[in-house]
Amino acid sequence: MSVRRNMLIYGLLLIAICLTVTGEVLLKLGMNVVRTDVGAFSASLPVLLRTFTEWRVVLGFALIFSGALFWLGVISRADFSFAYPLLALSYVIALIPARFVIGEHVTVQRLLGACVVVAGAIIIGWEQK
């Protein structure tokens, strides 16, 4: 693959991951509000109505869908077996808003797991064609 094509693929992948992670964070923040109002998510009508009228949930789904559009750009240009494992980088990126936006405690085990994911992504990305 040419350097320009690789940069395009990695750029599309990074955008897809960032949109998806941001969407997931918004889903979590929205569900925290819903849980406070009506309890944990369930198939009951009041919970469903409250969930799908919460702006963070709606925006979260929109961002996840937008990320999927960029993902289509990735898989239309790269081998699936190359691109799909690189999506695991979303787990690494998600640690940042989990800690600083949601306020979760990020444990040493999670950081070590993220290092393993990054090592795997480097190995996959190093592939020469």
Protein backbone atom coordinates (compact mmCIF):
# COMPACT_ATOMS: atom_id res chain seq x y z
CA MET A 1 0.00 0.00 0.00
CA SER A 2 1.19 3.51 -0.72
CA VAL A 3 1.98 5.89 2.10
CA ARG A 4 -0.86 8.19 1.04
CA ARG A 5 -3.35 5.32 1.01
CA ASN A 6 -2.14 4.13 4.43
CA MET A 7 -2.53 7.63 5.85
CA LEU A 8 -6.07 7.82 4.49
CA ILE A 9 -6.97 4.44 6.00
CA TYR A 10 -5.48 5.33 9.39
CA GLY A 11 -7.14 8.76 9.30
CA LEU A 12 -10.56 7.28 8.54
CA LEU A 13 -10.00 4.67 11.25
CA LEU A 14 -9.05 7.28 13.83
CA ILE A 15 -12.12 9.38 13.00
CA ALA A 16 -14.34 6.29 13.18
CA ILE A 17 -12.89 5.34 16.56
CA CYS A 18 -13.14 8.87 18.01
CA LEU A 19 -16.75 9.30 16.88
CA THR A 20 -17.70 5.90 18.24
CA VAL A 21 -15.95 6.40 21.59
CA THR A 22 -17.51 9.85 21.98
CA GLY A 23 -20.90 8.36 21.17
CA GLU A 24 -20.43 5.59 23.71
CA VAL A 25 -19.40 8.10 26.38
CA LEU A 26 -22.56 10.10 25.65
CA LEU A 27 -24.62 6.91 25.95
CA LYS A 28 -23.06 6.26 29.34
CA LEU A 29 -23.65 9.84 30.53
CA GLY A 30 -27.23 9.73 29.27
CA MET A 31 -27.90 6.41 30.95
CA ASN A 32 -26.56 7.81 34.22
CA VAL A 33 -29.28 10.48 33.97
CA VAL A 34 -31.95 7.94 33.00
CA ARG A 35 -30.93 5.60 35.82
CA THR A 36 -31.28 8.46 38.30
CA ASP A 37 -34.74 9.34 36.92
CA VAL A 38 -36.36 5.94 36.34
CA GLY A 39 -33.89 3.22 37.28
CA ALA A 40 -31.68 0.82 35.34
CA PHE A 41 -32.42 0.18 31.68
CA SER A 42 -35.27 -2.22 31.03
CA ALA A 43 -37.89 -2.87 28.37
CA SER A 44 -40.58 -1.04 30.32
CA LEU A 45 -42.33 1.79 28.49
CA PRO A 46 -41.39 4.57 30.95
CA VAL A 47 -37.72 3.59 30.84
CA LEU A 48 -37.70 3.30 27.04
CA LEU A 49 -39.40 6.68 26.63
CA ARG A 50 -37.04 8.37 29.07
CA THR A 51 -34.00 6.71 27.48
CA PHE A 52 -34.81 7.64 23.89
CA THR A 53 -35.79 11.21 24.76
CA GLU A 54 -32.54 11.84 26.65
CA TRP A 55 -30.46 14.09 24.36
CA ARG A 56 -27.16 12.44 25.29
CA VAL A 57 -28.48 9.04 24.23
CA VAL A 58 -29.84 10.39 20.93
CA LEU A 59 -26.60 12.25 20.17
CA GLY A 60 -24.57 9.20 21.23
CA PHE A 61 -26.38 7.00 18.72
CA ALA A 62 -25.92 9.65 16.01
CA LEU A 63 -22.17 9.77 16.65
CA ILE A 64 -21.87 5.98 16.69
CA PHE A 65 -23.71 5.87 13.36
CA SER A 66 -21.37 8.57 11.99
CA GLY A 67 -18.41 6.51 13.12
CA ALA A 68 -19.85 3.55 11.24
CA LEU A 69 -19.90 5.63 8.05
CA PHE A 70 -16.16 6.31 8.40
CA TRP A 71 -15.66 2.61 9.18
CA LEU A 72 -17.26 1.82 5.82
CA GLY A 73 -14.56 4.00 4.27
CA VAL A 74 -11.90 1.94 6.03
CA ILE A 75 -13.19 -1.50 5.07
CA SER A 76 -13.75 -0.44 1.48
CA ARG A 77 -10.01 0.36 1.24
CA ALA A 78 -8.28 -2.18 3.47
CA ASP A 79 -8.35 -5.89 4.19
CA PHE A 80 -10.90 -6.66 6.90
CA SER A 81 -8.39 -8.90 8.69
CA PHE A 82 -6.03 -5.91 8.85
CA ALA A 83 -8.54 -3.20 9.77
CA TYR A 84 -10.85 -4.93 12.22
CA PRO A 85 -8.23 -5.75 14.88
CA LEU A 86 -7.15 -2.10 14.81
CA LEU A 87 -10.61 -1.16 16.12
CA ALA A 88 -9.35 -2.51 19.45
CA LEU A 89 -7.55 0.83 19.78
CA SER A 90 -10.96 2.20 20.73
CA TYR A 91 -10.54 0.41 24.07
CA VAL A 92 -7.33 2.34 24.64
CA ILE A 93 -8.78 5.69 23.60
CA ALA A 94 -11.89 5.05 25.74
CA LEU A 95 -9.77 5.04 28.89
CA ILE A 96 -9.22 8.80 28.56
CA PRO A 97 -12.86 9.94 28.71
CA ALA A 98 -13.67 7.13 31.14
CA ARG A 99 -11.22 8.70 33.57
CA PHE A 100 -11.61 12.41 32.84
CA VAL A 101 -15.22 12.77 31.66
CA ILE A 102 -17.10 9.99 33.44
CA GLY A 103 -14.79 9.99 36.46
CA GLU A 104 -14.10 6.27 36.57
CA HIS A 105 -11.07 4.83 38.31
CA VAL A 106 -8.75 3.38 35.66
CA THR A 107 -6.88 0.49 37.25
CA VAL A 108 -3.35 -0.71 36.56
CA GLN A 109 -4.80 -3.88 35.03
CA ARG A 110 -6.78 -1.79 32.52
CA LEU A 111 -3.67 0.22 31.64
CA LEU A 112 -1.64 -2.96 31.16
CA GLY A 113 -4.39 -4.38 28.97
CA ALA A 114 -4.33 -1.18 26.92
CA CYS A 115 -0.56 -1.63 26.45
CA VAL A 116 -1.16 -5.14 25.13
CA VAL A 117 -3.76 -3.79 22.69
CA VAL A 118 -1.36 -1.09 21.49
CA ALA A 119 1.39 -3.69 21.01
CA GLY A 120 -1.00 -5.80 18.94
CA ALA A 121 -2.02 -2.80 16.84
CA ILE A 122 1.64 -1.98 16.18
CA ILE A 123 2.32 -5.55 15.07
CA ILE A 124 -0.68 -5.54 12.75
CA GLY A 125 0.09 -2.06 11.42
CA TRP A 126 3.69 -2.99 10.70
CA GLU A 127 2.54 -5.41 8.07
CA GLN A 128 4.31 -4.82 4.76
CA LYS A 129 2.67 -5.50 1.40
